Amino acid sequence: MKKDIHPEYVQSVVTCACGQTFETKATRSEVHTDICSVCHPFYTGKQRLVDTAGRVERFKRKYDQKPG
């Protein structure tokens, strides 16, 4: 392996938008996510619409228009 080309691997705190936090190893000391295993529909079994930056509304505006 080449020397001095790999980033430093440090203890990291991951924070989800739902408020859940946990520790892992990463190249950054802090990581922020929109969804985690505590709030993800696959793990919770609850149907939840995950909307990032208004994408659902933008899609509906674009494709709900009736020709006429």
Protein backbone atom coordinates (compact mmCIF):
# COMPACT_ATOMS: atom_id res chain seq x y z
CA MET A 1 0.00 0.00 0.00
CA LYS A 2 1.12 3.52 -0.70
CA LYS A 3 1.88 5.68 2.30
CA ASP A 4 0.14 8.97 3.11
CA ILE A 5 -2.74 8.62 0.63
CA HIS A 6 -5.42 7.15 2.91
CA PRO A 7 -7.69 9.37 5.04
CA GLU A 8 -7.62 9.10 8.81
CA TYR A 9 -10.20 6.61 10.15
CA VAL A 10 -11.69 8.01 13.39
CA GLN A 11 -14.51 7.37 15.85
CA SER A 12 -17.63 9.07 14.43
CA VAL A 13 -21.04 10.12 15.78
CA VAL A 14 -23.94 9.59 13.36
CA THR A 15 -27.03 11.77 13.90
CA CYS A 16 -30.33 11.08 12.14
CA ALA A 17 -33.06 13.63 11.42
CA CYS A 18 -35.34 11.71 13.82
CA GLY A 19 -32.93 12.40 16.70
CA GLN A 20 -31.31 8.96 16.97
CA THR A 21 -27.52 8.96 17.44
CA PHE A 22 -24.96 6.17 17.41
CA GLU A 23 -21.21 5.76 17.10
CA THR A 24 -19.21 4.08 14.35
CA LYS A 25 -15.92 4.53 12.52
CA ALA A 26 -15.64 6.87 9.53
CA THR A 27 -13.37 9.40 7.88
CA ARG A 28 -15.38 12.26 9.45
CA SER A 29 -15.99 12.90 13.13
CA GLU A 30 -19.70 13.75 12.58
CA VAL A 31 -22.16 12.36 10.03
CA HIS A 32 -25.76 13.58 9.57
CA THR A 33 -28.39 11.39 7.84
CA ASP A 34 -32.03 11.85 6.84
CA ILE A 35 -33.13 8.32 7.73
CA CYS A 36 -31.80 5.48 9.90
CA SER A 37 -32.78 1.97 11.01
CA VAL A 38 -34.95 3.42 13.81
CA CYS A 39 -37.18 5.45 11.48
CA HIS A 40 -36.86 3.58 8.15
CA PRO A 41 -40.14 1.95 7.00
CA PHE A 42 -38.43 -1.36 6.21
CA TYR A 43 -37.34 -1.79 9.83
CA THR A 44 -40.37 -0.21 11.54
CA GLY A 45 -43.05 -1.89 9.43
CA LYS A 46 -44.94 1.40 9.15
CA GLN A 47 -45.62 3.04 5.82
CA ARG A 48 -44.08 6.48 5.82
CA LEU A 49 -43.51 8.83 2.94
CA VAL A 50 -39.93 10.03 3.02
CA ASP A 51 -39.75 13.36 1.24
CA THR A 52 -36.37 14.93 0.67
CA ALA A 53 -36.37 18.58 -0.38
CA GLY A 54 -39.94 18.54 -1.75
CA ARG A 55 -39.33 15.90 -4.41
CA VAL A 56 -42.77 14.34 -3.99
CA GLU A 57 -44.56 17.66 -4.46
CA ARG A 58 -42.38 18.50 -7.44
CA PHE A 59 -43.21 15.12 -9.02
CA LYS A 60 -46.93 15.60 -8.41
CA ARG A 61 -46.89 19.09 -9.89
CA LYS A 62 -45.07 17.84 -12.95
CA TYR A 63 -47.16 14.74 -13.67
CA ASP A 64 -50.60 15.57 -12.21
CA GLN A 65 -51.26 18.20 -14.84
CA LYS A 66 -54.03 17.16 -17.21
CA PRO A 67 -53.58 17.89 -20.93
CA GLY A 68 -55.97 20.48 -22.18
